[in-house]
Protein backbone atom coordinates (compact mmCIF):
# COMPACT_ATOMS: atom_id res chain seq x y z
CA MET A 1 22.87 -40.57 -13.18
CA LYS A 2 22.85 -36.89 -14.13
CA ASP A 3 22.95 -37.94 -17.80
CA THR A 4 19.52 -39.54 -17.40
CA GLY A 5 18.08 -36.48 -15.67
CA ILE A 6 17.20 -38.65 -12.68
CA TYR A 7 19.48 -37.87 -9.79
CA PHE A 8 19.44 -36.58 -6.26
CA GLU A 9 21.73 -33.78 -5.24
CA SER A 10 23.78 -34.62 -2.17
CA LEU A 11 22.03 -33.67 1.04
CA GLU A 12 25.24 -33.89 3.02
CA ASN A 13 26.43 -30.28 2.87
CA ALA A 14 23.08 -28.49 3.10
CA ARG A 15 23.42 -25.37 5.23
CA SER A 16 19.76 -25.25 6.24
CA PHE A 17 16.79 -27.55 6.38
CA ASP A 18 15.10 -25.54 3.61
CA GLU A 19 18.09 -26.15 1.34
CA LEU A 20 18.08 -29.88 2.16
CA TYR A 21 14.32 -30.09 1.61
CA ASN A 22 14.52 -28.28 -1.74
CA ARG A 23 17.28 -30.61 -2.92
CA TYR A 24 15.18 -33.61 -1.91
CA LEU A 25 12.08 -32.26 -3.66
CA GLY A 26 14.15 -31.56 -6.78
CA GLY A 27 15.03 -35.26 -6.98
CA ILE A 28 11.40 -36.27 -6.54
CA ARG A 29 10.36 -33.82 -9.29
CA ARG A 30 12.95 -35.25 -11.68
CA ILE A 31 11.74 -38.80 -11.03
CA ALA A 32 8.07 -37.82 -11.54
CA ALA A 33 8.85 -35.90 -14.74
CA SER A 34 10.88 -38.79 -16.13
CA LYS A 35 8.10 -41.27 -15.36
CA ALA A 36 5.54 -38.99 -17.04
CA THR A 37 7.72 -38.79 -20.15
CA ILE A 38 8.20 -42.55 -20.29
CA THR A 39 4.48 -43.14 -19.76
CA SER A 40 3.43 -40.72 -22.48
CA ARG A 41 5.86 -42.23 -24.98
CA GLY A 42 5.25 -45.90 -24.30
CA GLY A 43 1.86 -46.13 -22.64
CA ARG A 44 0.31 -47.92 -25.60
CA LEU A 45 2.92 -50.67 -25.41
CA TRP A 46 2.94 -51.05 -21.64
CA HIS A 47 0.80 -54.20 -21.63
CA LYS A 48 3.48 -55.93 -23.73
CA VAL A 49 6.39 -54.69 -21.65
CA SER A 50 5.15 -54.63 -18.06
CA PRO A 51 1.68 -56.10 -17.53
CA MET A 52 0.12 -55.82 -14.09
CA CYS A 53 -1.35 -59.31 -13.82
CA ALA A 54 -1.88 -59.41 -10.05
CA MET A 55 -3.56 -56.00 -9.94
CA SER A 56 -5.67 -56.84 -13.00
CA ALA A 57 -6.87 -60.05 -11.35
CA LEU A 58 -8.39 -57.93 -8.57
CA MET A 59 -10.35 -55.64 -10.89
CA GLU A 60 -13.77 -56.75 -12.08
CA PRO A 61 -13.65 -55.17 -15.56
CA CYS A 62 -10.29 -56.81 -16.27
CA VAL A 63 -11.52 -60.24 -15.23
CA LYS A 64 -14.70 -59.94 -17.31
CA GLN A 65 -12.80 -58.75 -20.38
CA LYS A 66 -9.88 -61.14 -19.79
CA LYS A 67 -7.50 -58.24 -20.38
CA ASP A 68 -4.78 -56.63 -18.35
CA ILE A 69 -5.36 -53.18 -16.84
CA THR A 70 -2.40 -51.89 -18.88
CA ALA A 71 -4.23 -53.01 -22.03
CA GLY A 72 -7.16 -50.71 -21.24
CA ALA A 73 -9.46 -53.14 -19.43
CA GLY A 74 -9.82 -51.22 -16.19
CA LYS A 75 -12.67 -48.87 -15.39
CA TYR A 76 -10.14 -46.12 -14.68
CA ASN A 77 -6.96 -46.51 -16.68
CA GLY A 78 -5.14 -43.31 -15.84
CA GLU A 79 -1.46 -43.71 -15.12
CA THR A 80 -0.51 -42.73 -11.60
CA ASN A 81 2.45 -42.41 -9.29
CA TYR A 82 2.29 -44.41 -6.10
CA PHE A 83 3.93 -42.54 -3.28
CA THR A 84 4.69 -45.51 -1.09
CA LEU A 85 6.54 -44.92 2.15
CA PHE A 86 5.33 -41.31 2.20
CA ALA A 87 4.76 -41.27 5.98
CA GLU A 88 8.22 -42.71 6.63
CA THR A 89 9.78 -40.07 4.38
CA VAL A 90 8.01 -37.26 6.23
CA ASP A 91 9.10 -38.72 9.59
CA SER A 92 12.69 -38.99 8.37
CA LEU A 93 12.78 -35.43 7.08
CA LEU A 94 11.34 -34.11 10.34
CA ALA A 95 13.93 -36.10 12.33
CA ILE A 96 16.73 -34.63 10.19
CA LYS A 97 15.31 -31.14 10.72
CA LYS A 98 15.11 -31.58 14.49
CA LEU A 99 18.41 -33.37 15.09
CA CYS A 100 20.63 -31.73 12.50
CA PHE A 101 19.33 -28.20 12.15
CA GLU A 102 17.54 -27.42 15.41
CA ASP A 103 19.42 -29.46 18.04
CA LYS A 104 22.65 -29.52 15.95
CA VAL A 105 23.46 -33.08 17.07
């Protein structure tokens, strides 16, 4: 995966929570940068490659224009990253911090 630029460094041998956290954030940064690059290169073709039919069906401008949101029919067409499971990630990182680095379990 390192060849693609999208990889996570192992968290296993981190000597401190700060080191573990920085490794984790590095992986997230690489994923976000890669997605931004892909979006900027292929954004104009996205409606042909990966239309968002279900989401478009819920947006009034798309329905009126009978066009997919990826084809420019939405009111706001900016590309975005969806940080799903964010709360679970924060909880997990805090549990690792407490159990592994503070309590040393």
